[in-house]
Protein backbone atom coordinates (compact mmCIF):
# COMPACT_ATOMS: atom_id res chain seq x y z
CA MET A 1 -72.20 36.75 110.06
CA ARG A 2 -74.36 38.56 107.51
CA MET A 3 -78.16 38.52 107.56
CA ALA A 4 -80.36 40.11 104.89
CA ASP A 5 -83.79 41.19 106.14
CA LEU A 6 -86.13 40.61 103.21
CA GLY A 7 -89.33 41.93 104.72
CA GLY A 8 -90.08 39.37 107.38
CA LEU A 9 -87.57 36.72 106.32
CA ARG A 10 -83.90 36.88 107.30
CA LEU A 11 -81.51 35.00 105.06
CA HIS A 12 -77.98 34.19 106.16
CA TYR A 13 -75.42 34.80 103.44
CA ARG A 14 -71.69 35.10 102.96
CA GLU A 15 -69.53 36.95 100.45
CA ASP A 16 -65.96 36.00 99.54
CA GLY A 17 -63.50 37.17 96.90
CA ASP A 18 -63.58 40.60 95.26
CA PRO A 19 -66.61 42.73 96.23
CA ASP A 20 -66.25 44.54 92.88
CA GLY A 21 -65.80 41.36 90.84
CA ALA A 22 -68.17 39.52 88.53
CA PRO A 23 -70.77 37.78 90.75
CA VAL A 24 -71.11 34.01 91.11
CA VAL A 25 -74.01 32.87 93.30
CA PHE A 26 -74.19 29.41 94.88
CA ALA A 27 -77.39 27.66 96.03
CA ASN A 28 -77.17 24.51 98.17
CA SER A 29 -78.88 21.15 98.16
CA LEU A 30 -81.63 19.95 100.48
CA GLY A 31 -80.28 19.28 103.98
CA THR A 32 -77.05 21.29 103.64
CA ASP A 33 -75.96 24.85 104.35
CA LEU A 34 -73.60 27.25 102.58
CA ARG A 35 -70.54 25.33 103.81
CA LEU A 36 -71.30 22.90 100.98
CA TRP A 37 -69.00 25.04 98.80
CA ASP A 38 -66.13 25.51 101.27
CA ASP A 39 -63.65 23.31 99.41
CA VAL A 40 -64.50 24.61 95.91
CA LEU A 41 -64.03 28.33 96.49
CA PRO A 42 -60.25 28.30 97.16
CA HIS A 43 -59.71 26.73 93.71
CA LEU A 44 -61.63 29.40 91.78
CA PRO A 45 -59.85 32.31 90.06
CA SER A 46 -59.30 35.55 91.94
CA GLY A 47 -61.35 38.62 91.02
CA LEU A 48 -64.81 37.03 91.44
CA ARG A 49 -67.54 38.10 93.86
CA LEU A 50 -68.58 34.80 95.44
CA ILE A 51 -71.98 34.82 97.13
CA ARG A 52 -73.45 31.93 99.13
CA TYR A 53 -76.62 31.77 101.19
CA ASP A 54 -78.72 29.43 103.33
CA LYS A 55 -82.19 28.96 101.85
CA ARG A 56 -85.17 29.33 104.17
CA GLY A 57 -85.41 26.58 106.77
CA HIS A 58 -81.70 25.75 106.48
CA GLY A 59 -78.47 26.77 108.17
CA LEU A 60 -78.69 30.11 109.99
CA SER A 61 -81.55 31.51 107.90
CA ASP A 62 -85.06 31.88 109.34
CA CYS A 63 -87.27 28.81 109.35
CA PRO A 64 -90.86 29.88 108.71
CA ARG A 65 -93.67 27.36 109.05
CA GLY A 66 -93.99 25.14 106.01
CA PRO A 67 -94.91 23.92 103.54
CA TYR A 68 -92.86 26.07 101.13
CA GLY A 69 -93.46 26.58 97.43
CA MET A 70 -90.68 26.75 94.85
CA GLY A 71 -91.91 30.25 93.99
CA GLN A 72 -91.09 31.33 97.56
CA LEU A 73 -87.56 29.90 97.34
CA VAL A 74 -87.01 31.69 94.04
CA SER A 75 -88.39 34.96 95.45
CA ASP A 76 -86.10 34.65 98.48
CA VAL A 77 -82.90 34.62 96.45
CA GLU A 78 -84.33 37.21 94.07
CA GLY A 79 -84.80 39.48 97.10
CA LEU A 80 -81.29 38.72 98.35
CA LEU A 81 -79.67 39.58 95.02
CA ASP A 82 -81.69 42.79 94.73
CA HIS A 83 -80.64 43.61 98.32
CA LEU A 84 -76.97 43.08 97.36
CA GLY A 85 -77.27 45.00 94.09
CA VAL A 86 -76.32 41.95 92.02
CA ARG A 87 -76.96 41.74 88.28
CA ASN A 88 -75.70 39.39 85.56
CA ALA A 89 -74.54 36.65 87.91
CA VAL A 90 -73.49 33.16 87.00
CA PHE A 91 -75.84 31.10 89.20
CA VAL A 92 -74.57 27.71 90.42
CA GLY A 93 -77.36 25.58 91.88
CA LEU A 94 -77.04 22.04 93.19
CA SER A 95 -80.09 19.75 93.54
CA ILE A 96 -82.95 21.92 94.89
CA GLY A 97 -80.51 24.81 94.31
CA GLY A 98 -80.51 23.87 90.63
CA MET A 99 -84.30 24.03 90.60
CA ILE A 100 -84.08 27.50 92.16
CA ALA A 101 -81.62 28.41 89.40
CA GLN A 102 -84.10 27.34 86.71
CA GLY A 103 -86.92 29.28 88.37
CA LEU A 104 -84.84 32.43 88.83
CA ALA A 105 -83.54 32.38 85.24
CA THR A 106 -87.13 32.05 84.01
CA LYS A 107 -88.30 34.95 86.17
CA ARG A 108 -85.35 37.37 86.19
CA LEU A 109 -82.92 37.14 83.28
CA ASP A 110 -81.41 40.44 84.44
CA LEU A 111 -80.07 38.59 87.48
CA VAL A 112 -78.81 35.44 85.73
CA ARG A 113 -76.56 35.59 82.67
CA ALA A 114 -75.59 31.89 82.82
CA ALA A 115 -76.60 28.91 84.94
CA VAL A 116 -74.85 25.82 86.25
CA LEU A 117 -77.40 23.05 86.84
CA SER A 118 -75.54 20.65 89.11
CA ASN A 119 -76.99 17.30 90.17
CA THR A 120 -80.51 18.51 89.53
CA ALA A 121 -83.44 18.19 87.15
CA ALA A 122 -86.53 20.00 85.91
CA LYS A 123 -88.53 17.49 87.97
CA ILE A 124 -87.08 15.34 90.75
CA GLY A 125 -88.97 12.27 91.93
CA THR A 126 -92.74 12.02 92.35
CA ARG A 127 -95.22 13.65 94.72
CA GLU A 128 -95.81 10.24 96.30
CA MET A 129 -92.08 9.68 96.93
CA TRP A 130 -91.71 13.10 98.57
CA GLN A 131 -94.85 12.63 100.66
CA GLU A 132 -93.43 9.37 102.02
CA ARG A 133 -90.18 11.16 102.90
CA ILE A 134 -92.03 14.03 104.58
CA GLU A 135 -94.09 11.62 106.69
CA ALA A 136 -90.99 9.62 107.68
CA VAL A 137 -89.15 12.78 108.78
CA GLU A 138 -92.17 14.14 110.65
CA THR A 139 -92.45 10.82 112.49
CA GLY A 140 -88.83 9.95 113.21
CA GLY A 141 -86.84 13.09 112.50
CA ILE A 142 -84.17 13.44 109.81
CA ALA A 143 -82.11 10.80 111.66
CA ALA A 144 -84.64 8.16 110.54
CA LEU A 145 -83.57 8.70 106.92
CA ALA A 146 -79.95 9.78 107.42
CA ASP A 147 -78.30 6.56 106.19
CA PRO A 148 -80.18 6.27 102.87
CA ILE A 149 -79.75 10.03 102.29
CA LEU A 150 -75.96 9.77 102.79
CA GLU A 151 -75.87 6.76 100.44
CA ARG A 152 -77.38 8.91 97.69
CA TRP A 153 -75.15 11.85 98.52
CA PHE A 154 -71.78 10.10 98.45
CA SER A 155 -69.90 7.31 96.74
CA ALA A 156 -69.16 4.11 98.68
CA ARG A 157 -65.49 5.13 98.83
CA PHE A 158 -66.26 8.49 100.46
CA ARG A 159 -68.70 6.92 102.94
CA GLU A 160 -65.82 4.89 104.38
CA THR A 161 -63.86 8.03 105.35
CA ASP A 162 -64.02 10.05 108.56
CA ALA A 163 -65.22 13.05 106.53
CA LEU A 164 -68.71 11.50 106.41
CA HIS A 165 -69.39 12.39 110.07
CA ALA A 166 -69.33 16.14 109.40
CA TRP A 167 -71.91 15.78 106.62
CA ARG A 168 -74.14 13.57 108.75
CA ASN A 169 -74.00 16.22 111.48
CA MET A 170 -74.83 19.01 109.02
CA LEU A 171 -77.83 17.04 107.74
CA LEU A 172 -79.11 16.28 111.26
CA ARG A 173 -78.80 19.92 112.34
CA GLN A 174 -81.26 21.21 109.75
CA PRO A 175 -84.69 22.01 111.23
CA VAL A 176 -87.31 19.35 110.47
CA GLU A 177 -89.77 22.10 109.47
CA GLY A 178 -87.26 23.56 107.00
CA TYR A 179 -86.35 20.19 105.54
CA THR A 180 -89.94 19.05 105.02
CA GLY A 181 -90.93 22.55 103.84
CA CYS A 182 -88.37 22.27 101.02
CA CYS A 183 -89.46 18.68 100.28
CA HIS A 184 -92.94 20.10 99.58
CA ALA A 185 -91.38 22.66 97.21
CA ILE A 186 -89.54 19.97 95.23
CA ALA A 187 -92.63 17.73 95.14
CA GLY A 188 -94.68 20.50 93.55
CA THR A 189 -92.13 21.51 90.91
CA ASP A 190 -92.04 20.59 87.23
CA PHE A 191 -89.88 23.06 85.29
CA PHE A 192 -89.78 21.05 82.06
CA THR A 193 -91.65 23.64 79.97
CA PRO A 194 -90.11 26.86 81.42
CA THR A 195 -86.59 25.43 81.34
CA ALA A 196 -87.03 24.35 77.71
CA ALA A 197 -87.91 27.99 76.93
CA LEU A 198 -84.68 29.37 78.45
CA ARG A 199 -82.09 30.90 76.14
CA LEU A 200 -78.92 31.43 78.14
CA PRO A 201 -75.64 29.55 78.57
CA VAL A 202 -76.14 26.41 80.70
CA LEU A 203 -73.70 23.88 82.08
CA GLY A 204 -74.95 20.60 83.55
CA ILE A 205 -72.72 18.81 86.07
CA ALA A 206 -73.42 15.27 87.30
CA GLY A 207 -71.73 12.69 89.51
CA SER A 208 -71.45 9.17 88.14
CA GLU A 209 -72.49 7.65 91.49
CA ASP A 210 -75.38 10.06 92.17
CA GLY A 211 -78.32 8.17 93.71
CA SER A 212 -80.65 11.19 93.74
CA THR A 213 -80.30 12.71 90.26
CA PRO A 214 -78.52 10.18 88.00
CA PRO A 215 -76.30 11.54 85.20
CA ASP A 216 -78.83 10.86 82.42
CA LEU A 217 -81.46 12.92 84.25
CA VAL A 218 -79.06 15.85 84.70
CA ARG A 219 -77.98 15.65 81.06
CA GLU A 220 -81.59 15.57 79.80
CA THR A 221 -82.41 18.63 81.93
CA ALA A 222 -79.39 20.66 80.77
CA GLU A 223 -80.06 19.74 77.15
CA LEU A 224 -83.57 21.21 77.34
CA VAL A 225 -81.69 24.49 76.77
CA PRO A 226 -80.16 24.77 73.27
CA GLY A 227 -76.37 24.81 73.27
CA ALA A 228 -76.00 23.55 76.83
CA GLU A 229 -72.83 21.76 77.92
CA PHE A 230 -72.63 18.69 80.16
CA ARG A 231 -69.80 17.39 82.32
CA LEU A 232 -69.61 14.15 84.31
CA ILE A 233 -67.49 13.82 87.45
CA ARG A 234 -66.58 10.16 87.80
CA GLY A 235 -66.57 8.45 91.17
CA ALA A 236 -68.64 11.17 92.86
CA GLY A 237 -72.19 11.07 94.17
CA HIS A 238 -74.86 13.75 94.56
CA LEU A 239 -72.44 16.31 96.04
CA PRO A 240 -69.41 16.27 93.72
CA CYS A 241 -68.31 19.67 95.05
CA VAL A 242 -67.52 17.80 98.29
CA GLU A 243 -65.96 14.63 96.85
CA ALA A 244 -64.04 16.23 93.98
CA PRO A 245 -63.74 19.96 94.77
CA GLU A 246 -60.70 20.61 92.58
CA GLU A 247 -62.24 18.93 89.53
CA TYR A 248 -65.53 20.72 90.22
CA ALA A 249 -63.74 24.07 90.43
CA GLU A 250 -61.82 23.33 87.23
CA ILE A 251 -65.05 22.61 85.31
CA LEU A 252 -66.71 25.71 86.76
CA THR A 253 -63.68 27.91 85.98
CA GLU A 254 -63.65 26.73 82.37
CA PHE A 255 -67.33 27.65 82.05
CA LEU A 256 -66.76 31.06 83.65
CA LYS A 257 -63.95 31.77 81.20
CA VAL A 258 -66.09 30.86 78.21
CA GLN A 259 -68.73 33.32 79.50
CA GLY A 260 -66.13 36.08 79.80
CA HIS A 261 -66.87 36.14 83.55
CA VAL A 262 -63.19 35.71 84.46
């Protein structure tokens, strides 16, 4: 287990692949940890340095008192990448991870040479919607909202399989303080203007059955950046890397090749 001490905050991270290879960094969604990418990584080309981490308040990383700001989440991964000596990474962010990707690319172009904005947007939901979710979780725990969350995460077909139980357990194991802290960060974020000012290669990935960030929202966000590409994974929900890992890896590999990263 690897922990990076970033001056009072310890982030749990994992490296796979070639330590001397071109870096690809993965940032997870709300309510998940770095295992989100387990089934994608084996299908990626060899020779890449694959870096995953648990954002604050999730997985094995520290869980400071909330609320969190998006700027803190961006600074956390900025500190991690500086700690690891990473430059010119392709940054793959899903949901809140995609917001972190937009913020990091705006702040530190030396760290991000290309971004994959997966199942995300420049602005997700409304402050009122997130406040309702925060209050529900503070009152009844994450379990109170687990069923509707899983409905947005996965297609009806996937929800009928035994695999759903592992994802329910992962969701329920996240600290309430970390979950609501990150809800505050999403609620306060509108990256429309900074993302529209970005000039780097961008790939948007959406799931056709996504109940959190529908395909049109993901496409509109990616297309804020001139020249961006967009790919739709049919039959998958908010976490297509779980439902269709081989197709997800194929799309990602194609993008990496176009960037000369492979």
